[in-house]
N, C-alpha and C. Protein backbone atom coordinates (compact mmCIF):
# COMPACT_ATOMS: atom_id res chain seq x y z
N MET A 1 0.82 -1.19 0.00
CA MET A 1 0.00 0.00 0.00
C MET A 1 0.87 1.26 0.00
N ARG A 2 1.98 1.19 0.74
CA ARG A 2 2.87 2.35 0.82
C ARG A 2 3.37 2.75 -0.56
N ASN A 3 3.78 1.75 -1.36
CA ASN A 3 4.30 2.05 -2.70
C ASN A 3 3.23 2.61 -3.61
N LEU A 4 2.01 2.12 -3.48
CA LEU A 4 0.90 2.62 -4.29
C LEU A 4 0.63 4.09 -3.98
N ILE A 5 0.57 4.43 -2.71
CA ILE A 5 0.31 5.82 -2.31
C ILE A 5 1.49 6.70 -2.68
N ALA A 6 2.70 6.25 -2.40
CA ALA A 6 3.89 7.04 -2.73
C ALA A 6 3.97 7.30 -4.23
N GLY A 7 3.69 6.28 -5.02
CA GLY A 7 3.72 6.46 -6.48
C GLY A 7 2.68 7.45 -6.95
N ALA A 8 1.51 7.40 -6.37
CA ALA A 8 0.43 8.30 -6.78
C ALA A 8 0.71 9.74 -6.39
N ILE A 9 1.25 9.96 -5.21
CA ILE A 9 1.44 11.35 -4.78
C ILE A 9 2.74 11.96 -5.31
N ARG A 10 3.62 11.14 -5.85
CA ARG A 10 4.86 11.67 -6.43
C ARG A 10 4.80 11.80 -7.94
N ASN A 11 3.67 11.47 -8.52
CA ASN A 11 3.50 11.51 -9.97
C ASN A 11 3.07 12.92 -10.38
N ASP A 12 3.89 13.60 -11.19
CA ASP A 12 3.58 14.97 -11.62
C ASP A 12 2.31 15.04 -12.45
N GLU A 13 1.93 13.94 -13.11
CA GLU A 13 0.68 13.93 -13.87
C GLU A 13 -0.53 13.82 -12.95
N ALA A 14 -0.30 13.36 -11.73
CA ALA A 14 -1.39 13.20 -10.78
C ALA A 14 -1.55 14.45 -9.92
N LEU A 15 -0.48 14.88 -9.30
CA LEU A 15 -0.51 16.07 -8.45
C LEU A 15 0.46 17.10 -9.01
N ASP A 16 -0.08 18.09 -9.66
CA ASP A 16 0.72 19.13 -10.30
C ASP A 16 1.60 19.84 -9.27
N PRO A 17 2.93 19.82 -9.45
CA PRO A 17 3.82 20.46 -8.49
C PRO A 17 3.66 21.98 -8.43
N ASP A 18 3.00 22.57 -9.41
CA ASP A 18 2.72 24.00 -9.35
C ASP A 18 1.56 24.30 -8.40
N ILE A 19 0.79 23.29 -8.07
CA ILE A 19 -0.36 23.46 -7.18
C ILE A 19 -0.08 22.85 -5.81
N PHE A 20 0.52 21.67 -5.79
CA PHE A 20 0.77 20.95 -4.55
C PHE A 20 2.23 21.10 -4.13
N ASP A 21 2.45 21.36 -2.87
CA ASP A 21 3.80 21.52 -2.32
C ASP A 21 4.42 20.15 -2.10
N ARG A 22 5.24 19.75 -3.05
CA ARG A 22 5.82 18.41 -3.04
C ARG A 22 6.65 18.16 -1.78
N SER A 23 7.39 19.15 -1.31
CA SER A 23 8.23 18.95 -0.13
C SER A 23 7.38 18.67 1.11
N ARG A 24 6.24 19.33 1.24
CA ARG A 24 5.36 19.08 2.39
C ARG A 24 4.71 17.70 2.30
N ILE A 25 4.35 17.31 1.09
CA ILE A 25 3.76 15.98 0.90
C ILE A 25 4.79 14.90 1.22
N ASP A 26 6.02 15.07 0.73
CA ASP A 26 7.08 14.10 1.01
C ASP A 26 7.38 14.04 2.51
N ALA A 27 7.36 15.19 3.18
CA ALA A 27 7.61 15.22 4.62
C ALA A 27 6.50 14.48 5.38
N ALA A 28 5.26 14.70 4.98
CA ALA A 28 4.14 14.01 5.63
C ALA A 28 4.24 12.50 5.41
N LEU A 29 4.61 12.09 4.20
CA LEU A 29 4.77 10.66 3.92
C LEU A 29 5.89 10.07 4.78
N ALA A 30 7.01 10.77 4.87
CA ALA A 30 8.13 10.28 5.68
C ALA A 30 7.73 10.17 7.15
N GLU A 31 7.07 11.19 7.68
CA GLU A 31 6.61 11.15 9.07
C GLU A 31 5.69 9.97 9.31
N HIS A 32 4.80 9.73 8.37
CA HIS A 32 3.84 8.63 8.50
C HIS A 32 4.55 7.28 8.47
N VAL A 33 5.43 7.10 7.51
CA VAL A 33 6.14 5.82 7.35
C VAL A 33 7.02 5.53 8.58
N GLU A 34 7.63 6.58 9.13
CA GLU A 34 8.51 6.42 10.29
C GLU A 34 7.73 6.29 11.59
N GLY A 35 6.41 6.47 11.54
CA GLY A 35 5.59 6.34 12.73
C GLY A 35 5.59 7.55 13.64
N ARG A 36 6.09 8.68 13.15
CA ARG A 36 6.13 9.90 13.96
C ARG A 36 4.82 10.66 13.95
N ALA A 37 3.97 10.36 12.97
CA ALA A 37 2.66 11.03 12.86
C ALA A 37 1.73 10.12 12.07
N ASN A 38 0.45 10.37 12.22
CA ASN A 38 -0.54 9.60 11.47
C ASN A 38 -1.17 10.52 10.43
N HIS A 39 -0.71 10.41 9.20
CA HIS A 39 -1.22 11.21 8.09
C HIS A 39 -2.02 10.33 7.13
N GLN A 40 -2.53 9.23 7.63
CA GLN A 40 -3.22 8.26 6.79
C GLN A 40 -4.33 8.90 5.96
N GLU A 41 -5.19 9.65 6.60
CA GLU A 41 -6.34 10.23 5.89
C GLU A 41 -5.89 11.21 4.81
N SER A 42 -4.97 12.10 5.15
CA SER A 42 -4.49 13.09 4.17
C SER A 42 -3.79 12.43 3.00
N LEU A 43 -2.94 11.44 3.29
CA LEU A 43 -2.21 10.77 2.22
C LEU A 43 -3.14 9.98 1.31
N LEU A 44 -4.13 9.34 1.90
CA LEU A 44 -5.09 8.60 1.09
C LEU A 44 -5.92 9.55 0.22
N LEU A 45 -6.31 10.68 0.77
CA LEU A 45 -7.05 11.67 -0.03
C LEU A 45 -6.19 12.21 -1.17
N LEU A 46 -4.94 12.53 -0.90
CA LEU A 46 -4.05 13.01 -1.95
C LEU A 46 -3.86 11.96 -3.04
N ALA A 47 -3.68 10.71 -2.64
CA ALA A 47 -3.51 9.64 -3.63
C ALA A 47 -4.77 9.47 -4.47
N THR A 48 -5.93 9.56 -3.83
CA THR A 48 -7.20 9.41 -4.56
C THR A 48 -7.40 10.55 -5.54
N ILE A 49 -7.18 11.77 -5.09
CA ILE A 49 -7.31 12.94 -5.97
C ILE A 49 -6.32 12.83 -7.12
N GLY A 50 -5.09 12.46 -6.79
CA GLY A 50 -4.05 12.35 -7.81
C GLY A 50 -4.37 11.31 -8.86
N GLU A 51 -4.81 10.14 -8.44
CA GLU A 51 -5.15 9.09 -9.40
C GLU A 51 -6.35 9.49 -10.25
N TRP A 52 -7.33 10.11 -9.64
CA TRP A 52 -8.49 10.57 -10.40
C TRP A 52 -8.05 11.58 -11.45
N HIS A 53 -7.23 12.53 -11.05
CA HIS A 53 -6.80 13.57 -11.98
C HIS A 53 -5.93 12.98 -13.09
N ARG A 54 -5.07 12.04 -12.75
CA ARG A 54 -4.23 11.41 -13.77
C ARG A 54 -5.08 10.68 -14.80
N ARG A 55 -6.11 9.99 -14.35
CA ARG A 55 -6.96 9.22 -15.26
C ARG A 55 -7.97 10.06 -16.02
N TYR A 56 -8.58 11.01 -15.35
CA TYR A 56 -9.73 11.71 -15.92
C TYR A 56 -9.52 13.21 -16.14
N GLY A 57 -8.35 13.71 -15.78
CA GLY A 57 -8.08 15.13 -15.99
C GLY A 57 -8.07 15.46 -17.47
N PRO A 58 -8.09 16.73 -17.80
CA PRO A 58 -8.11 17.11 -19.21
C PRO A 58 -6.86 16.63 -19.94
N PRO A 59 -7.00 16.23 -21.21
CA PRO A 59 -5.85 15.80 -21.99
C PRO A 59 -4.81 16.91 -22.05
N GLY A 60 -3.55 16.55 -21.86
CA GLY A 60 -2.48 17.53 -21.92
C GLY A 60 -2.47 18.48 -20.74
N HIS A 61 -3.16 18.14 -19.67
CA HIS A 61 -3.25 19.05 -18.53
C HIS A 61 -1.91 19.32 -17.88
N ASN A 62 -0.93 18.51 -18.16
CA ASN A 62 0.38 18.68 -17.53
C ASN A 62 1.42 19.26 -18.49
N LEU A 63 0.98 19.68 -19.64
CA LEU A 63 1.92 20.24 -20.60
C LEU A 63 2.18 21.71 -20.29
N PRO A 64 3.43 22.17 -20.52
CA PRO A 64 3.74 23.59 -20.25
C PRO A 64 3.01 24.52 -21.18
């Protein structure tokens, strides 16, 4: 499950780095994996939004 969520939230086609703060997302994931915090709900929501956007977002939505 960890790899699935990590892959989804680190995919630029899923979560646009111009909109989402990648460093904060990576920090939350690291805290969660290390057991220092419980970010389960936030990470799952980000992964769900990211996968939905990757699959159903507008064509070329990630092009400059």
